Amino acid sequence: MSAVIPSMDGNSQRVSFGEGSLLKEMKSNNQGPNLIKLETKEPTWSKEKEAYVMDFNGRVKKGSVKNFQLACPASPDEEVMQFGRVDEDRFVLDFKS
């Protein structure tokens, strides 16, 4: 999964786009100065569990195809957002601002 969000301006405010303009900016300039692109972190294979796993730092308790982590390609080891199952019908969403 890929996500594109507006970057911050010099006043620590999100860059503003008019209605529909964020999509236009993304199509014309995939990684311009006004955009931050986030990518899904890939899970690693665990021989022990015989499954793909991700480290959610204790926040996620159950495996799910819905679990994911997003990071900037420039800093792939630093998660910006993570979403995961903690119970049968409960999920957590953590993000850094």
C-alpha atoms as a PDB file:
ATOM      1  CA  MET A   1       0.000   0.000   0.000  1.00  0.00           C
ATOM      2  CA  SER A   2       1.132   3.539  -0.680  1.00  0.00           C
ATOM      3  CA  ALA A   3      -0.225   6.702   0.898  1.00  0.00           C
ATOM      4  CA  VAL A   4       0.483  10.314  -0.028  1.00  0.00           C
ATOM      5  CA  ILE A   5      -0.103  13.142   2.438  1.00  0.00           C
ATOM      6  CA  PRO A   6       0.590  16.898   2.268  1.00  0.00           C
ATOM      7  CA  SER A   7       3.929  18.008   3.733  1.00  0.00           C
ATOM      8  CA  MET A   8       4.408  20.802   6.286  1.00  0.00           C
ATOM      9  CA  ASP A   9       5.140  24.401   5.328  1.00  0.00           C
ATOM     10  CA  GLY A  10       7.567  26.811   7.035  1.00  0.00           C
ATOM     11  CA  ASN A  11       4.931  27.621   9.708  1.00  0.00           C
ATOM     12  CA  SER A  12       4.489  23.942  10.685  1.00  0.00           C
ATOM     13  CA  GLN A  13       1.098  23.862   8.955  1.00  0.00           C
ATOM     14  CA  ARG A  14      -0.023  21.299   6.388  1.00  0.00           C
ATOM     15  CA  VAL A  15       0.372  22.496   2.805  1.00  0.00           C
ATOM     16  CA  SER A  16      -3.098  23.359   1.547  1.00  0.00           C
ATOM     17  CA  PHE A  17      -4.512  22.085  -1.729  1.00  0.00           C
ATOM     18  CA  GLY A  18      -7.802  23.099  -3.271  1.00  0.00           C
ATOM     19  CA  GLU A  19     -10.549  20.508  -3.699  1.00  0.00           C
ATOM     20  CA  GLY A  20      -9.235  17.657  -5.829  1.00  0.00           C
ATOM     21  CA  SER A  21      -5.815  19.319  -6.142  1.00  0.00           C
ATOM     22  CA  LEU A  22      -3.965  16.801  -3.935  1.00  0.00           C
ATOM     23  CA  LEU A  23      -4.732  14.073  -6.464  1.00  0.00           C
ATOM     24  CA  LYS A  24      -3.637  16.332  -9.331  1.00  0.00           C
ATOM     25  CA  GLU A  25      -0.380  17.160  -7.505  1.00  0.00           C
ATOM     26  CA  MET A  26       0.271  13.478  -6.862  1.00  0.00           C
ATOM     27  CA  LYS A  27      -0.297  12.526 -10.496  1.00  0.00           C
ATOM     28  CA  SER A  28       1.908  15.303 -11.840  1.00  0.00           C
ATOM     29  CA  ASN A  29       4.662  15.180  -9.204  1.00  0.00           C
ATOM     30  CA  ASN A  30       4.655  11.847  -7.355  1.00  0.00           C
ATOM     31  CA  GLN A  31       7.192  12.899  -4.686  1.00  0.00           C
ATOM     32  CA  GLY A  32       7.374  16.667  -4.858  1.00  0.00           C
ATOM     33  CA  PRO A  33       8.242  19.054  -2.046  1.00  0.00           C
ATOM     34  CA  ASN A  34       4.563  19.395  -1.089  1.00  0.00           C
ATOM     35  CA  LEU A  35       3.962  15.646  -0.709  1.00  0.00           C
ATOM     36  CA  ILE A  36       5.118  12.917   1.664  1.00  0.00           C
ATOM     37  CA  LYS A  37       4.871   9.378   0.320  1.00  0.00           C
ATOM     38  CA  LEU A  38       4.449   6.512   2.791  1.00  0.00           C
ATOM     39  CA  GLU A  39       4.918   2.836   1.937  1.00  0.00           C
ATOM     40  CA  THR A  40       3.790  -0.354   3.645  1.00  0.00           C
ATOM     41  CA  LYS A  41       6.546  -2.116   5.536  1.00  0.00           C
ATOM     42  CA  GLU A  42       7.016  -5.664   4.317  1.00  0.00           C
ATOM     43  CA  PRO A  43       6.704  -8.510   6.840  1.00  0.00           C
ATOM     44  CA  THR A  44       9.588 -10.922   7.362  1.00  0.00           C
ATOM     45  CA  TRP A  45       9.424 -14.711   7.318  1.00  0.00           C
ATOM     46  CA  SER A  46       9.664 -16.403  10.724  1.00  0.00           C
ATOM     47  CA  LYS A  47      10.966 -19.979  10.570  1.00  0.00           C
ATOM     48  CA  GLU A  48       9.828 -20.396  14.164  1.00  0.00           C
ATOM     49  CA  LYS A  49       6.183 -19.504  13.448  1.00  0.00           C
ATOM     50  CA  GLU A  50       6.273 -20.559   9.794  1.00  0.00           C
ATOM     51  CA  ALA A  51       4.515 -17.332   8.886  1.00  0.00           C
ATOM     52  CA  TYR A  52       5.209 -13.748   7.914  1.00  0.00           C
ATOM     53  CA  VAL A  53       5.514 -11.471  10.953  1.00  0.00           C
ATOM     54  CA  MET A  54       5.881  -7.779  11.823  1.00  0.00           C
ATOM     55  CA  ASP A  55       7.041  -6.132  15.044  1.00  0.00           C
ATOM     56  CA  PHE A  56       4.273  -3.930  16.444  1.00  0.00           C
ATOM     57  CA  ASN A  57       6.171  -3.267  19.693  1.00  0.00           C
ATOM     58  CA  GLY A  58       3.597  -5.101  21.803  1.00  0.00           C
ATOM     59  CA  ARG A  59       0.614  -3.050  20.591  1.00  0.00           C
ATOM     60  CA  VAL A  60      -0.927  -5.686  18.305  1.00  0.00           C
ATOM     61  CA  LYS A  61      -1.931  -8.987  19.867  1.00  0.00           C
ATOM     62  CA  LYS A  62      -3.541 -10.938  16.992  1.00  0.00           C
ATOM     63  CA  GLY A  63      -2.556 -11.680  13.449  1.00  0.00           C
ATOM     64  CA  SER A  64      -4.774 -10.284  10.720  1.00  0.00           C
ATOM     65  CA  VAL A  65      -4.537  -9.517   7.023  1.00  0.00           C
ATOM     66  CA  LYS A  66      -5.692  -6.022   8.029  1.00  0.00           C
ATOM     67  CA  ASN A  67      -2.566  -5.324  10.141  1.00  0.00           C
ATOM     68  CA  PHE A  68      -0.131  -2.888   8.526  1.00  0.00           C
ATOM     69  CA  GLN A  69       2.640  -0.376   9.170  1.00  0.00           C
ATOM     70  CA  LEU A  70       3.503   2.675   7.044  1.00  0.00           C
ATOM     71  CA  ALA A  71       6.950   4.281   6.845  1.00  0.00           C
ATOM     72  CA  CYS A  72       8.753   6.876   4.722  1.00  0.00           C
ATOM     73  CA  PRO A  73      10.992   5.189   2.127  1.00  0.00           C
ATOM     74  CA  ALA A  74      13.863   7.426   3.334  1.00  0.00           C
ATOM     75  CA  SER A  75      13.507   6.006   6.896  1.00  0.00           C
ATOM     76  CA  PRO A  76      12.015   2.510   6.455  1.00  0.00           C
ATOM     77  CA  ASP A  77      12.780   1.440  10.048  1.00  0.00           C
ATOM     78  CA  GLU A  78      10.741   4.290  11.553  1.00  0.00           C
ATOM     79  CA  GLU A  79       7.009   3.619  11.425  1.00  0.00           C
ATOM     80  CA  VAL A  80       4.766   6.640  10.925  1.00  0.00           C
ATOM     81  CA  MET A  81       1.509   4.728  11.324  1.00  0.00           C
ATOM     82  CA  GLN A  82       0.468   1.251  12.390  1.00  0.00           C
ATOM     83  CA  PHE A  83      -2.894  -0.469  12.498  1.00  0.00           C
ATOM     84  CA  GLY A  84      -3.569  -3.883  13.977  1.00  0.00           C
ATOM     85  CA  ARG A  85      -5.919  -6.288  15.685  1.00  0.00           C
ATOM     86  CA  VAL A  86      -5.817  -6.510  19.487  1.00  0.00           C
ATOM     87  CA  ASP A  87      -8.964  -8.536  20.051  1.00  0.00           C
ATOM     88  CA  GLU A  88     -11.647 -10.353  18.074  1.00  0.00           C
ATOM     89  CA  ASP A  89     -13.461  -7.121  17.281  1.00  0.00           C
ATOM     90  CA  ARG A  90     -11.006  -4.373  18.346  1.00  0.00           C
ATOM     91  CA  PHE A  91      -8.164  -2.711  16.471  1.00  0.00           C
ATOM     92  CA  VAL A  92      -5.617  -0.015  17.378  1.00  0.00           C
ATOM     93  CA  LEU A  93      -4.338   2.808  15.209  1.00  0.00           C
ATOM     94  CA  ASP A  94      -1.086   4.516  16.251  1.00  0.00           C
ATOM     95  CA  PHE A  95       0.450   7.428  14.368  1.00  0.00           C
ATOM     96  CA  LYS A  96       3.180  10.031  14.733  1.00  0.00           C
ATOM     97  CA  SER A  97       2.417  13.646  13.937  1.00  0.00           C
END
